[in-house]
N, C-alpha and C. Protein backbone atom coordinates (compact mmCIF):
# COMPACT_ATOMS: atom_id res chain seq x y z
N MET A 1 15.25 -13.10 35.28
CA MET A 1 15.57 -14.49 35.53
C MET A 1 14.70 -15.33 34.61
N THR A 2 15.30 -16.31 34.00
CA THR A 2 14.51 -17.24 33.23
C THR A 2 13.75 -18.14 34.20
N GLU A 3 12.66 -18.70 33.72
CA GLU A 3 11.90 -19.61 34.55
C GLU A 3 12.76 -20.82 34.88
N PRO A 4 12.74 -21.25 36.12
CA PRO A 4 13.54 -22.41 36.49
C PRO A 4 12.95 -23.70 35.94
N THR A 5 13.79 -24.71 35.87
CA THR A 5 13.31 -26.05 35.60
C THR A 5 12.66 -26.55 36.90
N THR A 6 11.42 -26.98 36.81
CA THR A 6 10.65 -27.41 37.98
C THR A 6 10.48 -28.91 37.95
N THR A 7 10.84 -29.57 39.05
CA THR A 7 10.76 -31.03 39.13
C THR A 7 10.10 -31.43 40.44
N LEU A 8 9.08 -32.27 40.35
CA LEU A 8 8.51 -32.87 41.55
C LEU A 8 9.43 -34.02 41.96
N VAL A 9 9.88 -34.00 43.20
CA VAL A 9 10.73 -35.07 43.71
C VAL A 9 9.81 -36.16 44.25
N GLN A 10 9.50 -37.14 43.40
CA GLN A 10 8.54 -38.18 43.73
C GLN A 10 8.91 -38.95 45.00
N GLN A 11 10.20 -39.20 45.18
CA GLN A 11 10.66 -39.99 46.31
C GLN A 11 10.19 -39.42 47.64
N PHE A 12 10.06 -38.09 47.73
CA PHE A 12 9.70 -37.45 48.99
C PHE A 12 8.33 -36.76 48.92
N SER A 13 7.49 -37.20 48.00
CA SER A 13 6.17 -36.59 47.81
C SER A 13 5.09 -37.66 47.93
N SER A 14 3.88 -37.21 48.27
CA SER A 14 2.74 -38.12 48.28
C SER A 14 2.50 -38.63 46.86
N PRO A 15 1.94 -39.82 46.73
CA PRO A 15 1.73 -40.40 45.39
C PRO A 15 0.93 -39.51 44.44
N ASP A 16 -0.06 -38.76 44.95
CA ASP A 16 -0.90 -37.93 44.09
C ASP A 16 -0.52 -36.45 44.12
N ALA A 17 0.66 -36.14 44.65
CA ALA A 17 1.08 -34.74 44.80
C ALA A 17 1.41 -34.10 43.45
N ALA A 18 1.18 -32.80 43.39
CA ALA A 18 1.57 -32.00 42.23
C ALA A 18 2.69 -31.06 42.66
N PRO A 19 3.58 -30.69 41.75
CA PRO A 19 4.65 -29.77 42.13
C PRO A 19 4.09 -28.40 42.51
N THR A 20 4.77 -27.75 43.42
CA THR A 20 4.43 -26.37 43.76
C THR A 20 4.90 -25.49 42.61
N SER A 21 4.05 -24.59 42.16
CA SER A 21 4.45 -23.72 41.04
C SER A 21 5.56 -22.76 41.49
N TRP A 22 6.38 -22.36 40.54
CA TRP A 22 7.43 -21.38 40.85
C TRP A 22 6.79 -20.08 41.34
N ASP A 23 5.67 -19.69 40.77
CA ASP A 23 4.99 -18.47 41.23
C ASP A 23 4.65 -18.55 42.71
N ASP A 24 4.16 -19.72 43.15
CA ASP A 24 3.81 -19.88 44.57
C ASP A 24 5.06 -19.87 45.46
N ALA A 25 6.12 -20.52 45.02
CA ALA A 25 7.36 -20.53 45.81
C ALA A 25 7.96 -19.13 45.89
N ARG A 26 7.98 -18.42 44.77
CA ARG A 26 8.52 -17.06 44.75
C ARG A 26 7.67 -16.13 45.62
N THR A 27 6.35 -16.29 45.57
CA THR A 27 5.47 -15.48 46.41
C THR A 27 5.76 -15.72 47.89
N ALA A 28 6.03 -16.96 48.25
CA ALA A 28 6.37 -17.26 49.65
C ALA A 28 7.64 -16.51 50.05
N LEU A 29 8.63 -16.45 49.16
CA LEU A 29 9.87 -15.72 49.45
C LEU A 29 9.61 -14.22 49.55
N GLU A 30 8.77 -13.70 48.68
CA GLU A 30 8.46 -12.26 48.68
C GLU A 30 7.72 -11.84 49.95
N ARG A 31 6.81 -12.67 50.41
CA ARG A 31 5.95 -12.30 51.53
C ARG A 31 6.51 -12.65 52.90
N ALA A 32 7.51 -13.48 52.95
CA ALA A 32 8.03 -13.96 54.25
C ALA A 32 8.44 -12.79 55.14
N GLU A 33 7.95 -12.80 56.35
CA GLU A 33 8.37 -11.80 57.32
C GLU A 33 9.63 -12.23 58.04
N LEU A 34 9.87 -13.52 58.09
CA LEU A 34 11.06 -14.02 58.77
C LEU A 34 11.68 -15.13 57.93
N SER A 35 12.98 -15.07 57.81
CA SER A 35 13.75 -16.11 57.14
C SER A 35 14.86 -16.55 58.09
N TRP A 36 15.48 -17.64 57.75
CA TRP A 36 16.62 -18.15 58.50
C TRP A 36 17.78 -18.30 57.53
N VAL A 37 18.97 -17.91 57.96
CA VAL A 37 20.15 -18.07 57.11
C VAL A 37 21.11 -19.04 57.78
N VAL A 38 21.65 -19.94 56.98
CA VAL A 38 22.67 -20.88 57.43
C VAL A 38 23.97 -20.49 56.74
N THR A 39 24.99 -20.22 57.55
CA THR A 39 26.34 -19.99 57.06
C THR A 39 27.24 -21.04 57.70
N VAL A 40 28.50 -21.08 57.27
CA VAL A 40 29.42 -22.08 57.79
C VAL A 40 30.65 -21.39 58.39
N ARG A 41 30.95 -21.73 59.64
CA ARG A 41 32.12 -21.18 60.31
C ARG A 41 33.39 -21.73 59.66
N ALA A 42 34.50 -21.07 59.92
CA ALA A 42 35.80 -21.48 59.35
C ALA A 42 36.15 -22.92 59.73
N ASP A 43 35.70 -23.39 60.90
CA ASP A 43 36.01 -24.76 61.32
C ASP A 43 35.00 -25.78 60.80
N GLY A 44 34.05 -25.34 59.96
CA GLY A 44 33.09 -26.24 59.35
C GLY A 44 31.77 -26.38 60.07
N ARG A 45 31.64 -25.82 61.26
CA ARG A 45 30.38 -25.91 62.00
C ARG A 45 29.35 -24.96 61.39
N PRO A 46 28.09 -25.39 61.30
CA PRO A 46 27.06 -24.51 60.75
C PRO A 46 26.64 -23.46 61.76
N HIS A 47 26.13 -22.36 61.24
CA HIS A 47 25.58 -21.29 62.06
C HIS A 47 24.22 -20.93 61.46
N LEU A 48 23.18 -20.94 62.28
CA LEU A 48 21.82 -20.66 61.84
C LEU A 48 21.27 -19.50 62.66
N THR A 49 20.66 -18.53 61.97
CA THR A 49 20.08 -17.40 62.69
C THR A 49 18.91 -16.81 61.90
N PRO A 50 17.90 -16.27 62.59
CA PRO A 50 16.79 -15.64 61.88
C PRO A 50 17.16 -14.23 61.43
N LEU A 51 16.47 -13.79 60.38
CA LEU A 51 16.66 -12.43 59.88
C LEU A 51 15.49 -12.06 58.99
N VAL A 52 15.44 -10.80 58.58
CA VAL A 52 14.44 -10.36 57.61
C VAL A 52 15.13 -10.24 56.26
N ALA A 53 14.46 -10.67 55.22
CA ALA A 53 15.04 -10.68 53.88
C ALA A 53 14.07 -10.03 52.91
N VAL A 54 14.62 -9.60 51.77
CA VAL A 54 13.83 -8.95 50.73
C VAL A 54 14.13 -9.65 49.40
N TRP A 55 13.07 -9.99 48.67
CA TRP A 55 13.21 -10.55 47.32
C TRP A 55 13.09 -9.38 46.35
N LEU A 56 14.12 -9.14 45.56
CA LEU A 56 14.13 -8.06 44.59
C LEU A 56 15.00 -8.48 43.41
N ASP A 57 14.51 -8.26 42.21
CA ASP A 57 15.26 -8.59 40.99
C ASP A 57 15.66 -10.07 40.95
N ASP A 58 14.73 -10.95 41.29
CA ASP A 58 14.97 -12.40 41.25
C ASP A 58 16.12 -12.84 42.15
N THR A 59 16.32 -12.10 43.23
CA THR A 59 17.41 -12.37 44.15
C THR A 59 16.92 -12.12 45.57
N LEU A 60 17.36 -12.97 46.49
CA LEU A 60 17.02 -12.79 47.90
C LEU A 60 18.15 -12.01 48.57
N HIS A 61 17.79 -10.98 49.33
CA HIS A 61 18.77 -10.11 49.98
C HIS A 61 18.59 -10.15 51.49
N PHE A 62 19.71 -10.10 52.20
CA PHE A 62 19.67 -10.00 53.65
C PHE A 62 20.79 -9.10 54.09
N CYS A 63 20.74 -8.67 55.34
CA CYS A 63 21.80 -7.81 55.85
C CYS A 63 22.22 -8.26 57.24
N THR A 64 23.42 -7.80 57.62
CA THR A 64 24.00 -8.20 58.90
C THR A 64 25.05 -7.18 59.31
N GLY A 65 25.24 -7.04 60.59
CA GLY A 65 26.32 -6.18 61.08
C GLY A 65 27.68 -6.75 60.71
N ARG A 66 28.62 -5.88 60.51
CA ARG A 66 29.96 -6.28 60.06
C ARG A 66 30.63 -7.29 61.00
N SER A 67 30.35 -7.20 62.31
CA SER A 67 31.02 -8.09 63.27
C SER A 67 30.16 -9.29 63.68
N GLU A 68 28.95 -9.41 63.14
CA GLU A 68 28.10 -10.55 63.48
C GLU A 68 28.68 -11.85 62.92
N GLN A 69 28.32 -12.96 63.55
CA GLN A 69 28.89 -14.26 63.17
C GLN A 69 28.65 -14.58 61.70
N LYS A 70 27.48 -14.29 61.18
CA LYS A 70 27.23 -14.61 59.78
C LYS A 70 28.14 -13.82 58.85
N ALA A 71 28.42 -12.57 59.17
CA ALA A 71 29.33 -11.78 58.34
C ALA A 71 30.75 -12.34 58.42
N VAL A 72 31.16 -12.72 59.61
CA VAL A 72 32.49 -13.33 59.79
C VAL A 72 32.57 -14.61 58.96
N ASN A 73 31.52 -15.44 59.02
CA ASN A 73 31.51 -16.69 58.26
C ASN A 73 31.57 -16.46 56.76
N LEU A 74 30.86 -15.44 56.28
CA LEU A 74 30.81 -15.18 54.85
C LEU A 74 32.15 -14.72 54.27
N ARG A 75 33.02 -14.24 55.13
CA ARG A 75 34.35 -13.83 54.64
C ARG A 75 35.16 -15.02 54.13
N THR A 76 34.90 -16.21 54.69
CA THR A 76 35.67 -17.39 54.27
C THR A 76 34.85 -18.38 53.44
N ASN A 77 33.52 -18.31 53.53
CA ASN A 77 32.68 -19.23 52.77
C ASN A 77 31.37 -18.53 52.43
N PRO A 78 31.18 -18.13 51.18
CA PRO A 78 29.97 -17.38 50.81
C PRO A 78 28.75 -18.25 50.52
N GLU A 79 28.88 -19.57 50.59
CA GLU A 79 27.74 -20.45 50.31
C GLU A 79 26.77 -20.41 51.48
N VAL A 80 25.48 -20.22 51.16
CA VAL A 80 24.46 -20.10 52.20
C VAL A 80 23.20 -20.87 51.82
N LEU A 81 22.39 -21.09 52.83
CA LEU A 81 21.01 -21.52 52.69
C LEU A 81 20.15 -20.45 53.34
N LEU A 82 19.07 -20.08 52.69
CA LEU A 82 18.06 -19.20 53.28
C LEU A 82 16.75 -19.97 53.27
N LEU A 83 16.06 -19.97 54.41
CA LEU A 83 14.86 -20.76 54.57
C LEU A 83 13.72 -19.89 55.08
N THR A 84 12.52 -20.21 54.64
CA THR A 84 11.34 -19.58 55.22
C THR A 84 10.21 -20.60 55.21
N GLY A 85 9.25 -20.40 56.06
CA GLY A 85 8.11 -21.31 56.13
C GLY A 85 7.42 -21.20 57.46
N ARG A 86 6.76 -22.29 57.85
CA ARG A 86 6.01 -22.32 59.10
C ARG A 86 6.39 -23.57 59.87
N ASP A 87 6.08 -23.56 61.14
CA ASP A 87 6.43 -24.72 61.95
C ASP A 87 5.30 -25.74 62.04
N GLY A 88 4.22 -25.53 61.32
CA GLY A 88 3.12 -26.48 61.31
C GLY A 88 3.40 -27.66 60.39
N TRP A 89 2.72 -28.76 60.64
CA TRP A 89 2.95 -30.01 59.91
C TRP A 89 2.10 -30.11 58.64
N ASP A 90 0.84 -29.65 58.68
CA ASP A 90 -0.05 -30.00 57.59
C ASP A 90 -0.56 -28.83 56.74
N THR A 91 -0.04 -27.62 56.94
CA THR A 91 -0.43 -26.50 56.07
C THR A 91 0.78 -25.64 55.76
N GLY A 92 0.72 -24.97 54.62
CA GLY A 92 1.77 -24.04 54.24
C GLY A 92 2.83 -24.68 53.38
N THR A 93 3.83 -23.88 53.06
CA THR A 93 4.94 -24.32 52.23
C THR A 93 6.23 -23.76 52.81
N ASP A 94 7.22 -24.62 52.99
CA ASP A 94 8.56 -24.19 53.40
C ASP A 94 9.39 -24.06 52.13
N VAL A 95 10.23 -23.03 52.06
CA VAL A 95 11.06 -22.80 50.88
C VAL A 95 12.51 -22.62 51.33
N VAL A 96 13.42 -23.30 50.61
CA VAL A 96 14.85 -23.24 50.89
C VAL A 96 15.56 -22.74 49.63
N VAL A 97 16.38 -21.71 49.79
CA VAL A 97 17.18 -21.16 48.69
C VAL A 97 18.64 -21.51 48.93
N GLU A 98 19.27 -22.11 47.95
CA GLU A 98 20.71 -22.39 48.00
C GLU A 98 21.41 -21.43 47.05
N GLY A 99 22.52 -20.84 47.51
CA GLY A 99 23.26 -19.95 46.63
C GLY A 99 24.48 -19.38 47.32
N ARG A 100 25.07 -18.43 46.64
CA ARG A 100 26.29 -17.76 47.10
C ARG A 100 25.93 -16.33 47.47
N ALA A 101 26.30 -15.92 48.68
CA ALA A 101 26.06 -14.56 49.14
C ALA A 101 27.15 -13.63 48.61
N VAL A 102 26.72 -12.60 47.90
CA VAL A 102 27.63 -11.61 47.32
C VAL A 102 27.28 -10.26 47.94
N GLN A 103 28.27 -9.58 48.47
CA GLN A 103 28.01 -8.29 49.11
C GLN A 103 27.58 -7.26 48.07
N VAL A 104 26.55 -6.50 48.41
CA VAL A 104 26.05 -5.41 47.57
C VAL A 104 26.69 -4.12 48.06
N THR A 105 27.38 -3.42 47.17
CA THR A 105 28.02 -2.15 47.54
C THR A 105 27.62 -0.99 46.64
N ASP A 106 26.96 -1.27 45.53
CA ASP A 106 26.55 -0.22 44.60
C ASP A 106 25.52 0.70 45.27
N PRO A 107 25.79 2.01 45.32
CA PRO A 107 24.89 2.91 46.05
C PRO A 107 23.46 2.94 45.48
N ASP A 108 23.30 2.85 44.16
CA ASP A 108 21.96 2.86 43.58
C ASP A 108 21.19 1.60 43.97
N GLN A 109 21.86 0.46 43.93
CA GLN A 109 21.20 -0.79 44.33
C GLN A 109 20.89 -0.77 45.83
N LEU A 110 21.81 -0.27 46.64
CA LEU A 110 21.54 -0.16 48.08
C LEU A 110 20.33 0.74 48.34
N ALA A 111 20.20 1.82 47.59
CA ALA A 111 19.06 2.72 47.77
C ALA A 111 17.75 2.00 47.42
N ARG A 112 17.74 1.23 46.34
CA ARG A 112 16.55 0.46 45.97
C ARG A 112 16.22 -0.56 47.06
N LEU A 113 17.25 -1.20 47.60
CA LEU A 113 17.02 -2.19 48.64
C LEU A 113 16.53 -1.55 49.94
N ALA A 114 17.08 -0.39 50.28
CA ALA A 114 16.60 0.31 51.48
C ALA A 114 15.12 0.63 51.34
N GLU A 115 14.70 1.08 50.15
CA GLU A 115 13.28 1.34 49.90
C GLU A 115 12.46 0.06 50.02
N ALA A 116 13.00 -1.03 49.51
CA ALA A 116 12.27 -2.32 49.58
C ALA A 116 12.09 -2.76 51.02
N TRP A 117 13.12 -2.61 51.85
CA TRP A 117 13.00 -2.99 53.27
C TRP A 117 11.94 -2.12 53.95
N THR A 118 12.00 -0.82 53.71
CA THR A 118 11.04 0.10 54.34
C THR A 118 9.62 -0.23 53.90
N GLY A 119 9.43 -0.47 52.61
CA GLY A 119 8.11 -0.77 52.08
C GLY A 119 7.55 -2.09 52.56
N LYS A 120 8.38 -3.10 52.63
CA LYS A 120 7.90 -4.42 53.02
C LYS A 120 7.42 -4.43 54.47
N TRP A 121 8.07 -3.70 55.33
CA TRP A 121 7.73 -3.73 56.75
C TRP A 121 7.14 -2.41 57.23
N ASP A 122 6.52 -1.66 56.33
CA ASP A 122 5.82 -0.43 56.71
C ASP A 122 6.66 0.49 57.59
N GLY A 123 7.93 0.61 57.30
CA GLY A 123 8.79 1.51 58.03
C GLY A 123 9.42 0.96 59.28
N ARG A 124 9.11 -0.29 59.64
CA ARG A 124 9.71 -0.88 60.84
C ARG A 124 11.17 -1.22 60.65
N TRP A 125 11.61 -1.42 59.41
CA TRP A 125 13.02 -1.66 59.08
C TRP A 125 13.43 -0.57 58.10
N THR A 126 14.12 0.43 58.61
CA THR A 126 14.50 1.58 57.78
C THR A 126 16.01 1.74 57.82
N TYR A 127 16.59 1.88 56.64
CA TYR A 127 18.03 2.05 56.54
C TYR A 127 18.36 3.26 55.69
N ASP A 128 19.46 3.91 56.03
CA ASP A 128 20.07 4.91 55.17
C ASP A 128 21.20 4.23 54.44
N VAL A 129 21.59 4.80 53.31
CA VAL A 129 22.69 4.22 52.54
C VAL A 129 23.98 4.93 52.93
N GLY A 130 24.94 4.13 53.35
CA GLY A 130 26.28 4.63 53.65
C GLY A 130 27.22 4.21 52.54
N PRO A 131 28.51 4.42 52.72
CA PRO A 131 29.47 4.01 51.69
C PRO A 131 29.58 2.48 51.62
N GLY A 132 28.92 1.88 50.62
CA GLY A 132 29.00 0.45 50.41
C GLY A 132 28.22 -0.39 51.39
N CYS A 133 27.29 0.23 52.13
CA CYS A 133 26.54 -0.51 53.16
C CYS A 133 25.29 0.26 53.54
N PHE A 134 24.50 -0.32 54.41
CA PHE A 134 23.38 0.39 55.04
C PHE A 134 23.89 0.99 56.34
N ARG A 135 23.17 2.00 56.77
CA ARG A 135 23.37 2.55 58.11
C ARG A 135 22.01 2.56 58.77
N GLY A 136 21.92 1.96 59.94
CA GLY A 136 20.68 1.97 60.70
C GLY A 136 20.79 2.97 61.82
N GLU A 137 19.68 3.31 62.41
CA GLU A 137 19.67 4.27 63.50
C GLU A 137 20.49 3.74 64.67
N GLY A 138 21.56 4.44 65.02
CA GLY A 138 22.40 4.06 66.15
C GLY A 138 23.18 2.78 65.95
N GLU A 139 23.30 2.32 64.72
CA GLU A 139 23.98 1.05 64.46
C GLU A 139 25.30 1.27 63.74
N ASP A 140 26.14 0.28 63.81
CA ASP A 140 27.34 0.26 62.99
C ASP A 140 26.94 -0.03 61.55
N ASP A 141 27.93 -0.13 60.69
CA ASP A 141 27.66 -0.48 59.30
C ASP A 141 26.87 -1.79 59.22
N VAL A 142 25.94 -1.82 58.30
CA VAL A 142 25.13 -3.01 58.06
C VAL A 142 25.44 -3.47 56.64
N LEU A 143 26.08 -4.63 56.53
CA LEU A 143 26.43 -5.17 55.22
C LEU A 143 25.21 -5.80 54.58
N VAL A 144 25.09 -5.65 53.28
CA VAL A 144 23.96 -6.18 52.54
C VAL A 144 24.48 -7.25 51.58
N PHE A 145 23.79 -8.38 51.54
CA PHE A 145 24.20 -9.50 50.68
C PHE A 145 23.06 -9.89 49.76
N ALA A 146 23.42 -10.29 48.56
CA ALA A 146 22.48 -10.79 47.56
C ALA A 146 22.75 -12.26 47.34
N VAL A 147 21.69 -13.05 47.29
CA VAL A 147 21.81 -14.48 47.01
C VAL A 147 20.92 -14.78 45.80
N ARG A 148 21.56 -14.96 44.66
CA ARG A 148 20.83 -15.38 43.47
C ARG A 148 20.73 -16.90 43.54
N PRO A 149 19.54 -17.45 43.50
CA PRO A 149 19.39 -18.89 43.72
C PRO A 149 20.10 -19.75 42.67
N ASP A 150 20.80 -20.76 43.16
CA ASP A 150 21.30 -21.84 42.30
C ASP A 150 20.25 -22.94 42.25
N LYS A 151 19.66 -23.20 43.40
CA LYS A 151 18.61 -24.21 43.54
C LYS A 151 17.66 -23.75 44.62
N VAL A 152 16.38 -24.05 44.42
CA VAL A 152 15.35 -23.76 45.41
C VAL A 152 14.56 -25.04 45.62
N LEU A 153 14.22 -25.32 46.87
CA LEU A 153 13.35 -26.45 47.20
C LEU A 153 12.10 -25.90 47.89
N ALA A 154 10.95 -26.42 47.48
CA ALA A 154 9.69 -26.07 48.15
C ALA A 154 9.11 -27.35 48.73
N PHE A 155 8.69 -27.28 49.98
CA PHE A 155 8.12 -28.41 50.69
C PHE A 155 6.66 -28.08 51.04
N ALA A 156 5.74 -28.53 50.21
CA ALA A 156 4.32 -28.30 50.46
C ALA A 156 3.85 -29.27 51.52
N LYS A 157 3.08 -28.76 52.46
CA LYS A 157 2.59 -29.58 53.57
C LYS A 157 1.13 -29.95 53.33
N GLY A 158 0.70 -31.00 53.96
CA GLY A 158 -0.66 -31.48 53.77
C GLY A 158 -0.71 -32.46 52.62
N ASP A 159 -0.38 -31.98 51.40
CA ASP A 159 -0.28 -32.90 50.27
C ASP A 159 1.15 -33.42 50.11
N PHE A 160 2.05 -32.90 50.88
CA PHE A 160 3.45 -33.34 50.96
C PHE A 160 4.09 -33.53 49.59
N ALA A 161 4.38 -32.39 48.98
CA ALA A 161 5.05 -32.38 47.69
C ALA A 161 6.39 -31.68 47.85
N GLN A 162 7.47 -32.33 47.43
CA GLN A 162 8.78 -31.69 47.41
C GLN A 162 9.08 -31.33 45.96
N THR A 163 9.31 -30.04 45.74
CA THR A 163 9.57 -29.53 44.39
C THR A 163 10.95 -28.91 44.36
N ARG A 164 11.71 -29.24 43.29
CA ARG A 164 13.05 -28.67 43.10
C ARG A 164 13.02 -27.75 41.89
N TYR A 165 13.62 -26.57 42.04
CA TYR A 165 13.75 -25.60 40.96
C TYR A 165 15.25 -25.40 40.73
N THR A 166 15.68 -25.56 39.50
CA THR A 166 17.09 -25.31 39.17
C THR A 166 17.15 -24.22 38.11
N PHE A 167 18.20 -23.44 38.17
CA PHE A 167 18.32 -22.25 37.33
C PHE A 167 19.49 -22.36 36.38
């Protein structure tokens, strides 16, 4: 991935704020233990749910059961938001990724992602690779999606800096 264009959004930042570096925003995505995904139902209503995600190859990945609401929503509208951060007011950085969720079906890529999930959570999230999907212990097919960012927003707290990254 080429380095994004980084812009401090002055309108929503403290007067003396500096933009959050892309390295810091990307690190927040890599280290996040919990993310939230927003999808859109066929009738236009939003759906928000927590999940675990993996940053690999400049792309954020998440998975879901074939019959879960987010998978149903993605069949008609692949546009998503993925968010991570903290619920505190004055410390940390919240990061929002905007993009299109594309299902990952390549067995080699799925194997790399299964390793990434296992490694990130010390074996607490372990998947086998099935035909075009993950298989979890005692679970149905688990679909895997990749979201290559179109735009990322970072919201630094305390110094209150809003930074936009475009790709």
